Amino acid sequence: MASYLILTPPGVPNRSEVSDRYRDETRFIRDGFSWKAFLFPTLWMLFHRLWLHAIAAFLLQGIALELMRQPGFFAAGAALLLGVHILAALEGPHALSDRLVGRGWKVENLVSAHDLATAEEIHFSRLEQEPNPDIHPKNWDISATNTNTSRPGPSFGLPGYDGGR
């Protein structure tokens, strides 16, 4: 199962007012390994407007390719190139979510699901349910009497039912 981070843009209507705009602009970002970012790290970052990350990846890939051309440094260049690809695949989605949060997007939810369609179904089905009314603390009249007659207070330093020590 994968985890999906659910983000909504700034200025979107409230969660309780489920609208077409809310559904259309909500972003689901899969938290995990991204094959597209692994195979094409610089292009993936440019597509998602991670400009500085893309420049850094491009420069590191260029350095890695130049190292691979030098005699005796092929292994170092290959390791650097593989490292850039793996780092982009593992941390790319997190960098994307950080960029969106930095631009004012709100983190709405985190959903675990097998695929994107299931994650959307889970998230939007929770929105359409009626919210439960809050119970005011004054209505919490639950009387718990202590029937323990052997010794007052909790044993072994654990808190008692009344919350005291």
N, C-alpha and C. Protein backbone atom coordinates (compact mmCIF):
# COMPACT_ATOMS: atom_id res chain seq x y z
N MET A 1 0.83 -1.19 0.00
CA MET A 1 0.00 0.00 0.00
C MET A 1 0.87 1.24 0.00
N ALA A 2 0.38 2.25 -0.65
CA ALA A 2 1.09 3.51 -0.73
C ALA A 2 0.36 4.57 0.09
N SER A 3 1.10 5.57 0.50
CA SER A 3 0.51 6.70 1.20
C SER A 3 0.39 7.86 0.23
N TYR A 4 -0.72 8.55 0.29
CA TYR A 4 -0.95 9.70 -0.57
C TYR A 4 -1.17 10.93 0.31
N LEU A 5 -0.37 11.96 0.08
CA LEU A 5 -0.51 13.22 0.78
C LEU A 5 -1.49 14.07 -0.01
N ILE A 6 -2.50 14.58 0.66
CA ILE A 6 -3.57 15.31 -0.02
C ILE A 6 -3.42 16.79 0.30
N LEU A 7 -3.27 17.61 -0.74
CA LEU A 7 -3.06 19.04 -0.61
C LEU A 7 -4.15 19.80 -1.34
N THR A 8 -4.59 20.91 -0.74
CA THR A 8 -5.57 21.79 -1.39
C THR A 8 -4.94 23.16 -1.57
N PRO A 9 -5.24 23.83 -2.68
CA PRO A 9 -4.63 25.13 -2.95
C PRO A 9 -5.19 26.23 -2.05
N PRO A 10 -4.46 27.33 -1.95
CA PRO A 10 -4.99 28.44 -1.15
C PRO A 10 -6.23 29.03 -1.81
N GLY A 11 -7.17 29.44 -0.98
CA GLY A 11 -8.39 30.06 -1.47
C GLY A 11 -9.46 29.09 -1.92
N VAL A 12 -9.24 27.81 -1.70
CA VAL A 12 -10.25 26.82 -2.08
C VAL A 12 -11.34 26.83 -1.00
N PRO A 13 -12.59 26.54 -1.35
CA PRO A 13 -13.66 26.55 -0.35
C PRO A 13 -13.38 25.58 0.79
N ASN A 14 -14.09 25.77 1.86
CA ASN A 14 -13.94 24.94 3.05
C ASN A 14 -14.22 23.48 2.73
N ARG A 15 -13.59 22.61 3.49
CA ARG A 15 -13.75 21.17 3.31
C ARG A 15 -15.20 20.73 3.37
N SER A 16 -15.98 21.36 4.25
CA SER A 16 -17.36 20.94 4.40
C SER A 16 -18.20 21.32 3.18
N GLU A 17 -17.77 22.33 2.46
CA GLU A 17 -18.48 22.74 1.25
C GLU A 17 -17.85 22.02 0.06
N VAL A 18 -18.19 20.77 -0.13
CA VAL A 18 -17.60 20.00 -1.22
C VAL A 18 -18.13 20.54 -2.54
N SER A 19 -17.22 21.04 -3.34
CA SER A 19 -17.61 21.61 -4.62
C SER A 19 -16.76 21.00 -5.72
N ASP A 20 -17.13 21.32 -6.97
CA ASP A 20 -16.35 20.83 -8.10
C ASP A 20 -14.96 21.44 -8.11
N ARG A 21 -14.84 22.69 -7.69
CA ARG A 21 -13.53 23.33 -7.63
C ARG A 21 -12.64 22.63 -6.62
N TYR A 22 -13.20 22.27 -5.48
CA TYR A 22 -12.42 21.57 -4.47
C TYR A 22 -11.93 20.23 -5.02
N ARG A 23 -12.82 19.51 -5.69
CA ARG A 23 -12.44 18.20 -6.23
C ARG A 23 -11.40 18.33 -7.35
N ASP A 24 -11.53 19.34 -8.19
CA ASP A 24 -10.64 19.49 -9.33
C ASP A 24 -9.23 19.93 -8.94
N GLU A 25 -9.13 20.78 -7.92
CA GLU A 25 -7.83 21.37 -7.59
C GLU A 25 -7.10 20.63 -6.47
N THR A 26 -7.68 19.63 -5.90
CA THR A 26 -7.01 18.87 -4.86
C THR A 26 -5.91 18.03 -5.48
N ARG A 27 -4.71 18.05 -4.88
CA ARG A 27 -3.57 17.29 -5.40
C ARG A 27 -3.30 16.09 -4.51
N PHE A 28 -3.10 14.95 -5.12
CA PHE A 28 -2.73 13.72 -4.42
C PHE A 28 -1.29 13.41 -4.81
N ILE A 29 -0.39 13.44 -3.84
CA ILE A 29 1.03 13.17 -4.10
C ILE A 29 1.39 11.87 -3.43
N ARG A 30 1.81 10.92 -4.23
CA ARG A 30 2.18 9.59 -3.71
C ARG A 30 3.51 9.70 -2.98
N ASP A 31 3.52 9.24 -1.74
CA ASP A 31 4.73 9.26 -0.94
C ASP A 31 5.44 7.94 -1.15
N GLY A 32 6.52 7.96 -1.90
CA GLY A 32 7.24 6.74 -2.18
C GLY A 32 8.13 6.90 -3.40
N PHE A 33 8.63 5.80 -3.89
CA PHE A 33 9.55 5.77 -5.02
C PHE A 33 8.83 6.15 -6.29
N SER A 34 9.39 7.08 -7.04
CA SER A 34 8.81 7.53 -8.30
C SER A 34 9.68 7.05 -9.45
N TRP A 35 9.13 6.16 -10.28
CA TRP A 35 9.90 5.63 -11.40
C TRP A 35 10.19 6.71 -12.44
N LYS A 36 9.28 7.62 -12.65
CA LYS A 36 9.52 8.69 -13.62
C LYS A 36 10.67 9.58 -13.16
N ALA A 37 10.72 9.88 -11.86
CA ALA A 37 11.82 10.69 -11.34
C ALA A 37 13.13 9.91 -11.37
N PHE A 38 13.07 8.59 -11.25
CA PHE A 38 14.29 7.79 -11.30
C PHE A 38 14.86 7.75 -12.71
N LEU A 39 14.01 7.56 -13.70
CA LEU A 39 14.48 7.44 -15.07
C LEU A 39 14.88 8.78 -15.69
N PHE A 40 14.15 9.84 -15.38
CA PHE A 40 14.40 11.16 -15.96
C PHE A 40 14.38 12.23 -14.86
N PRO A 41 15.38 12.27 -13.99
CA PRO A 41 15.30 13.16 -12.84
C PRO A 41 15.21 14.65 -13.20
N THR A 42 16.03 15.12 -14.11
CA THR A 42 16.02 16.54 -14.44
C THR A 42 14.72 16.94 -15.12
N LEU A 43 14.26 16.15 -16.07
CA LEU A 43 13.00 16.46 -16.75
C LEU A 43 11.82 16.40 -15.79
N TRP A 44 11.83 15.43 -14.88
CA TRP A 44 10.74 15.30 -13.90
C TRP A 44 10.69 16.54 -13.01
N MET A 45 11.87 17.00 -12.58
CA MET A 45 11.92 18.19 -11.72
C MET A 45 11.51 19.45 -12.47
N LEU A 46 11.91 19.57 -13.73
CA LEU A 46 11.48 20.72 -14.52
C LEU A 46 9.97 20.70 -14.75
N PHE A 47 9.41 19.53 -15.00
CA PHE A 47 7.96 19.41 -15.20
C PHE A 47 7.20 19.85 -13.95
N HIS A 48 7.73 19.55 -12.77
CA HIS A 48 7.07 19.91 -11.52
C HIS A 48 7.56 21.24 -10.96
N ARG A 49 8.28 22.00 -11.77
CA ARG A 49 8.74 23.34 -11.44
C ARG A 49 9.64 23.40 -10.21
N LEU A 50 10.47 22.40 -10.06
CA LEU A 50 11.48 22.39 -9.01
C LEU A 50 12.78 22.87 -9.65
N TRP A 51 12.85 24.17 -9.91
CA TRP A 51 13.91 24.74 -10.73
C TRP A 51 15.30 24.51 -10.13
N LEU A 52 15.50 24.84 -8.88
CA LEU A 52 16.83 24.70 -8.28
C LEU A 52 17.24 23.24 -8.16
N HIS A 53 16.29 22.38 -7.84
CA HIS A 53 16.59 20.95 -7.78
C HIS A 53 17.01 20.43 -9.16
N ALA A 54 16.32 20.91 -10.19
CA ALA A 54 16.64 20.47 -11.55
C ALA A 54 18.03 20.94 -11.98
N ILE A 55 18.38 22.17 -11.62
CA ILE A 55 19.71 22.68 -11.96
C ILE A 55 20.78 21.86 -11.24
N ALA A 56 20.55 21.58 -9.95
CA ALA A 56 21.52 20.78 -9.18
C ALA A 56 21.65 19.38 -9.77
N ALA A 57 20.54 18.76 -10.13
CA ALA A 57 20.58 17.42 -10.71
C ALA A 57 21.31 17.43 -12.05
N PHE A 58 21.05 18.44 -12.86
CA PHE A 58 21.71 18.55 -14.16
C PHE A 58 23.22 18.70 -14.00
N LEU A 59 23.63 19.57 -13.07
CA LEU A 59 25.07 19.76 -12.84
C LEU A 59 25.73 18.49 -12.30
N LEU A 60 25.07 17.82 -11.35
CA LEU A 60 25.65 16.60 -10.80
C LEU A 60 25.71 15.48 -11.84
N GLN A 61 24.72 15.41 -12.72
CA GLN A 61 24.77 14.42 -13.79
C GLN A 61 25.90 14.73 -14.76
N GLY A 62 26.12 16.00 -15.05
CA GLY A 62 27.22 16.39 -15.93
C GLY A 62 28.57 16.05 -15.31
N ILE A 63 28.72 16.32 -14.02
CA ILE A 63 29.96 15.97 -13.32
C ILE A 63 30.16 14.46 -13.33
N ALA A 64 29.09 13.72 -13.09
CA ALA A 64 29.19 12.26 -13.08
C ALA A 64 29.59 11.72 -14.45
N LEU A 65 29.01 12.25 -15.51
CA LEU A 65 29.37 11.79 -16.86
C LEU A 65 30.82 12.14 -17.19
N GLU A 66 31.28 13.31 -16.74
CA GLU A 66 32.67 13.68 -16.99
C GLU A 66 33.62 12.78 -16.19
N LEU A 67 33.24 12.44 -14.96
CA LEU A 67 34.05 11.51 -14.17
C LEU A 67 34.12 10.14 -14.83
N MET A 68 33.03 9.71 -15.42
CA MET A 68 33.01 8.39 -16.06
C MET A 68 33.94 8.36 -17.28
N ARG A 69 34.18 9.50 -17.90
CA ARG A 69 35.08 9.55 -19.07
C ARG A 69 36.55 9.51 -18.67
N GLN A 70 36.85 9.91 -17.43
CA GLN A 70 38.24 9.96 -16.98
C GLN A 70 38.72 8.55 -16.61
N PRO A 71 39.95 8.21 -16.97
CA PRO A 71 40.44 6.87 -16.61
C PRO A 71 40.60 6.72 -15.10
N GLY A 72 40.05 5.64 -14.57
CA GLY A 72 40.15 5.33 -13.15
C GLY A 72 39.02 5.90 -12.31
N PHE A 73 38.15 6.71 -12.91
CA PHE A 73 37.06 7.33 -12.14
C PHE A 73 35.68 6.87 -12.62
N PHE A 74 35.64 5.82 -13.42
CA PHE A 74 34.36 5.35 -13.94
C PHE A 74 33.41 4.94 -12.81
N ALA A 75 33.92 4.21 -11.82
CA ALA A 75 33.07 3.75 -10.72
C ALA A 75 32.53 4.92 -9.90
N ALA A 76 33.37 5.92 -9.67
CA ALA A 76 32.92 7.09 -8.91
C ALA A 76 31.84 7.85 -9.67
N GLY A 77 32.04 8.01 -10.97
CA GLY A 77 31.04 8.70 -11.79
C GLY A 77 29.73 7.94 -11.86
N ALA A 78 29.83 6.62 -12.01
CA ALA A 78 28.61 5.81 -12.06
C ALA A 78 27.88 5.84 -10.72
N ALA A 79 28.61 5.83 -9.62
CA ALA A 79 27.99 5.90 -8.29
C ALA A 79 27.30 7.24 -8.09
N LEU A 80 27.94 8.32 -8.54
CA LEU A 80 27.33 9.65 -8.42
C LEU A 80 26.07 9.75 -9.28
N LEU A 81 26.14 9.23 -10.49
CA LEU A 81 24.97 9.27 -11.37
C LEU A 81 23.82 8.45 -10.80
N LEU A 82 24.12 7.26 -10.31
CA LEU A 82 23.08 6.43 -9.70
C LEU A 82 22.52 7.09 -8.44
N GLY A 83 23.38 7.74 -7.68
CA GLY A 83 22.93 8.43 -6.47
C GLY A 83 21.97 9.57 -6.78
N VAL A 84 22.25 10.32 -7.83
CA VAL A 84 21.35 11.41 -8.24
C VAL A 84 19.99 10.85 -8.63
N HIS A 85 19.99 9.76 -9.39
CA HIS A 85 18.73 9.16 -9.83
C HIS A 85 17.94 8.61 -8.65
N ILE A 86 18.60 7.94 -7.73
CA ILE A 86 17.90 7.37 -6.57
C ILE A 86 17.39 8.48 -5.65
N LEU A 87 18.20 9.50 -5.44
CA LEU A 87 17.77 10.61 -4.59
C LEU A 87 16.56 11.34 -5.19
N ALA A 88 16.57 11.52 -6.50
CA ALA A 88 15.43 12.16 -7.16
C ALA A 88 14.17 11.30 -7.03
N ALA A 89 14.33 9.99 -7.14
CA ALA A 89 13.18 9.10 -7.07
C ALA A 89 12.60 9.01 -5.67
N LEU A 90 13.44 9.04 -4.66
CA LEU A 90 12.96 8.90 -3.28
C LEU A 90 12.50 10.22 -2.68
N GLU A 91 13.22 11.30 -2.95
CA GLU A 91 12.92 12.59 -2.32
C GLU A 91 12.20 13.57 -3.23
N GLY A 92 12.04 13.26 -4.49
CA GLY A 92 11.35 14.16 -5.41
C GLY A 92 9.91 14.48 -5.00
N PRO A 93 9.09 13.47 -4.69
CA PRO A 93 7.72 13.78 -4.27
C PRO A 93 7.66 14.62 -3.00
N HIS A 94 8.60 14.39 -2.09
CA HIS A 94 8.63 15.19 -0.86
C HIS A 94 9.01 16.64 -1.17
N ALA A 95 9.95 16.85 -2.09
CA ALA A 95 10.32 18.21 -2.49
C ALA A 95 9.15 18.90 -3.17
N LEU A 96 8.37 18.16 -3.95
CA LEU A 96 7.19 18.73 -4.59
C LEU A 96 6.16 19.16 -3.56
N SER A 97 5.90 18.32 -2.57
CA SER A 97 4.92 18.70 -1.54
C SER A 97 5.42 19.87 -0.71
N ASP A 98 6.72 19.93 -0.42
CA ASP A 98 7.28 21.08 0.31
C ASP A 98 7.13 22.37 -0.48
N ARG A 99 7.33 22.29 -1.79
CA ARG A 99 7.17 23.49 -2.63
C ARG A 99 5.73 23.99 -2.60
N LEU A 100 4.78 23.05 -2.69
CA LEU A 100 3.37 23.45 -2.69
C LEU A 100 2.97 24.02 -1.34
N VAL A 101 3.42 23.40 -0.25
CA VAL A 101 3.10 23.92 1.09
C VAL A 101 3.72 25.29 1.27
N GLY A 102 4.90 25.50 0.75
CA GLY A 102 5.55 26.81 0.83
C GLY A 102 4.81 27.88 0.04
N ARG A 103 4.05 27.48 -0.95
CA ARG A 103 3.27 28.43 -1.75
C ARG A 103 1.87 28.64 -1.19
N GLY A 104 1.58 28.07 -0.02
CA GLY A 104 0.30 28.33 0.63
C GLY A 104 -0.71 27.19 0.56
N TRP A 105 -0.35 26.08 -0.03
CA TRP A 105 -1.27 24.95 -0.09
C TRP A 105 -1.40 24.37 1.31
N LYS A 106 -2.56 23.79 1.61
CA LYS A 106 -2.81 23.20 2.93
C LYS A 106 -2.78 21.68 2.82
N VAL A 107 -2.16 21.05 3.82
CA VAL A 107 -2.17 19.60 3.89
C VAL A 107 -3.50 19.19 4.51
N GLU A 108 -4.33 18.52 3.74
CA GLU A 108 -5.66 18.13 4.21
C GLU A 108 -5.67 16.78 4.90
N ASN A 109 -4.96 15.82 4.34
CA ASN A 109 -5.10 14.46 4.83
C ASN A 109 -3.92 13.62 4.35
N LEU A 110 -3.79 12.46 4.93
CA LEU A 110 -2.84 11.44 4.49
C LEU A 110 -3.61 10.14 4.43
N VAL A 111 -3.66 9.54 3.25
CA VAL A 111 -4.48 8.36 3.04
C VAL A 111 -3.59 7.22 2.56
N SER A 112 -3.80 6.03 3.09
CA SER A 112 -3.12 4.83 2.61
C SER A 112 -4.08 4.07 1.70
N ALA A 113 -3.62 3.79 0.48
CA ALA A 113 -4.46 3.10 -0.49
C ALA A 113 -3.58 2.36 -1.49
N HIS A 114 -4.18 1.43 -2.22
CA HIS A 114 -3.44 0.65 -3.22
C HIS A 114 -3.13 1.46 -4.47
N ASP A 115 -4.04 2.39 -4.85
CA ASP A 115 -3.82 3.19 -6.04
C ASP A 115 -4.46 4.56 -5.86
N LEU A 116 -4.26 5.43 -6.84
CA LEU A 116 -4.75 6.79 -6.75
C LEU A 116 -6.27 6.86 -6.72
N ALA A 117 -6.93 6.05 -7.52
CA ALA A 117 -8.40 6.07 -7.55
C ALA A 117 -8.99 5.70 -6.19
N THR A 118 -8.40 4.73 -5.52
CA THR A 118 -8.88 4.34 -4.20
C THR A 118 -8.62 5.45 -3.19
N ALA A 119 -7.47 6.11 -3.28
CA ALA A 119 -7.16 7.21 -2.37
C ALA A 119 -8.15 8.36 -2.55
N GLU A 120 -8.49 8.67 -3.80
CA GLU A 120 -9.48 9.72 -4.05
C GLU A 120 -10.83 9.33 -3.49
N GLU A 121 -11.23 8.09 -3.69
CA GLU A 121 -12.51 7.62 -3.18
C GLU A 121 -12.57 7.70 -1.66
N ILE A 122 -11.50 7.29 -1.00
CA ILE A 122 -11.46 7.35 0.47
C ILE A 122 -11.55 8.78 0.96
N HIS A 123 -10.76 9.67 0.35
CA HIS A 123 -10.73 11.06 0.82
C HIS A 123 -12.07 11.76 0.59
N PHE A 124 -12.62 11.65 -0.60
CA PHE A 124 -13.85 12.37 -0.90
C PHE A 124 -15.06 11.75 -0.22
N SER A 125 -15.03 10.46 0.10
CA SER A 125 -16.16 9.86 0.81
C SER A 125 -16.20 10.35 2.25
N ARG A 126 -15.05 10.64 2.83
CA ARG A 126 -15.02 11.18 4.19
C ARG A 126 -15.57 12.59 4.22
N LEU A 127 -15.41 13.33 3.14
CA LEU A 127 -15.89 14.71 3.10
C LEU A 127 -17.41 14.78 3.05
N GLU A 128 -18.02 13.83 2.38
CA GLU A 128 -19.45 13.90 2.17
C GLU A 128 -20.27 13.45 3.37
N GLN A 129 -19.61 12.87 4.37
CA GLN A 129 -20.32 12.45 5.56
C GLN A 129 -20.67 13.67 6.40
N GLU A 130 -21.77 13.56 7.10
CA GLU A 130 -22.18 14.63 7.99
C GLU A 130 -21.23 14.70 9.17
N PRO A 131 -20.79 15.89 9.54
CA PRO A 131 -19.91 15.99 10.70
C PRO A 131 -20.67 15.67 11.99
N ASN A 132 -20.01 14.99 12.89
CA ASN A 132 -20.61 14.68 14.18
C ASN A 132 -20.61 15.92 15.05
N PRO A 133 -21.72 16.19 15.75
CA PRO A 133 -21.74 17.36 16.62
C PRO A 133 -20.77 17.16 17.79
N ASP A 134 -20.12 18.24 18.16
CA ASP A 134 -19.22 18.17 19.29
C ASP A 134 -20.01 18.05 20.58
N ILE A 135 -19.49 17.26 21.48
CA ILE A 135 -20.12 17.11 22.79
C ILE A 135 -19.40 18.05 23.74
N HIS A 136 -20.13 18.96 24.32
CA HIS A 136 -19.54 19.93 25.24
C HIS A 136 -19.11 19.22 26.51
N PRO A 137 -17.97 19.60 27.10
CA PRO A 137 -17.48 18.91 28.29
C PRO A 137 -18.46 18.90 29.45
N LYS A 138 -19.36 19.87 29.54
CA LYS A 138 -20.30 19.86 30.66
C LYS A 138 -21.31 18.72 30.54
N ASN A 139 -21.44 18.14 29.34
CA ASN A 139 -22.36 17.02 29.15
C ASN A 139 -21.68 15.67 29.36
N TRP A 140 -20.47 15.70 29.80
CA TRP A 140 -19.73 14.47 30.00
C TRP A 140 -19.88 13.97 31.43
N ASP A 141 -21.04 14.03 31.98
CA ASP A 141 -21.26 13.63 33.36
C ASP A 141 -21.16 12.12 33.50
N ILE A 142 -19.96 11.65 33.64
CA ILE A 142 -19.73 10.22 33.83
C ILE A 142 -19.19 10.06 35.24
N SER A 143 -20.00 9.51 36.08
CA SER A 143 -19.56 9.36 37.47
C SER A 143 -18.86 8.02 37.63
N ALA A 144 -17.62 8.09 38.02
CA ALA A 144 -16.84 6.88 38.25
C ALA A 144 -16.49 6.84 39.73
N THR A 145 -17.09 5.96 40.44
CA THR A 145 -16.80 5.87 41.87
C THR A 145 -15.75 4.79 42.09
N ASN A 146 -14.88 5.04 43.00
CA ASN A 146 -13.82 4.10 43.33
C ASN A 146 -14.37 3.08 44.32
N THR A 147 -14.45 1.83 43.89
CA THR A 147 -14.98 0.78 44.76
C THR A 147 -13.87 -0.01 45.42
N ASN A 148 -12.64 0.39 45.24
CA ASN A 148 -11.50 -0.30 45.84
C ASN A 148 -11.40 0.12 47.31
N THR A 149 -11.59 -0.82 48.21
CA THR A 149 -11.57 -0.49 49.64
C THR A 149 -10.26 -0.88 50.29
N SER A 150 -9.39 -1.59 49.55
CA SER A 150 -8.16 -2.05 50.18
C SER A 150 -7.19 -0.91 50.43
N ARG A 151 -7.01 -0.06 49.48
CA ARG A 151 -6.04 1.01 49.64
C ARG A 151 -6.43 2.16 48.72
N PRO A 152 -6.48 3.36 49.20
CA PRO A 152 -6.83 4.47 48.31
C PRO A 152 -5.67 4.80 47.39
N GLY A 153 -5.98 5.21 46.18
CA GLY A 153 -4.95 5.64 45.22
C GLY A 153 -4.50 4.51 44.33
N PRO A 154 -3.77 4.85 43.32
CA PRO A 154 -3.30 3.85 42.37
C PRO A 154 -2.14 3.04 42.94
N SER A 155 -1.89 1.91 42.34
CA SER A 155 -0.78 1.10 42.78
C SER A 155 0.34 1.17 41.76
N PHE A 156 1.56 0.97 42.19
CA PHE A 156 2.77 1.00 41.38
C PHE A 156 3.00 2.34 40.69
N GLY A 157 2.46 3.41 41.23
CA GLY A 157 2.70 4.73 40.66
C GLY A 157 1.94 5.02 39.39
N LEU A 158 1.00 4.17 39.01
CA LEU A 158 0.23 4.39 37.80
C LEU A 158 -0.93 5.34 38.10
N PRO A 159 -1.37 6.12 37.13
CA PRO A 159 -2.48 7.02 37.38
C PRO A 159 -3.78 6.25 37.62
N GLY A 160 -4.58 6.76 38.50
CA GLY A 160 -5.86 6.12 38.81
C GLY A 160 -6.92 6.51 37.81
N TYR A 161 -8.11 6.04 38.03
CA TYR A 161 -9.21 6.33 37.11
C TYR A 161 -9.62 7.80 37.17
N ASP A 162 -9.37 8.43 38.30
CA ASP A 162 -9.75 9.82 38.44
C ASP A 162 -8.70 10.77 37.89
N GLY A 163 -7.60 10.24 37.36
CA GLY A 163 -6.56 11.07 36.75
C GLY A 163 -5.49 11.50 37.70
N GLY A 164 -5.61 11.24 38.98
CA GLY A 164 -4.60 11.64 39.96
C GLY A 164 -3.47 10.65 40.05
N ARG A 165 -2.50 10.95 40.87
CA ARG A 165 -1.35 10.05 41.09
C ARG A 165 -1.37 9.59 42.52
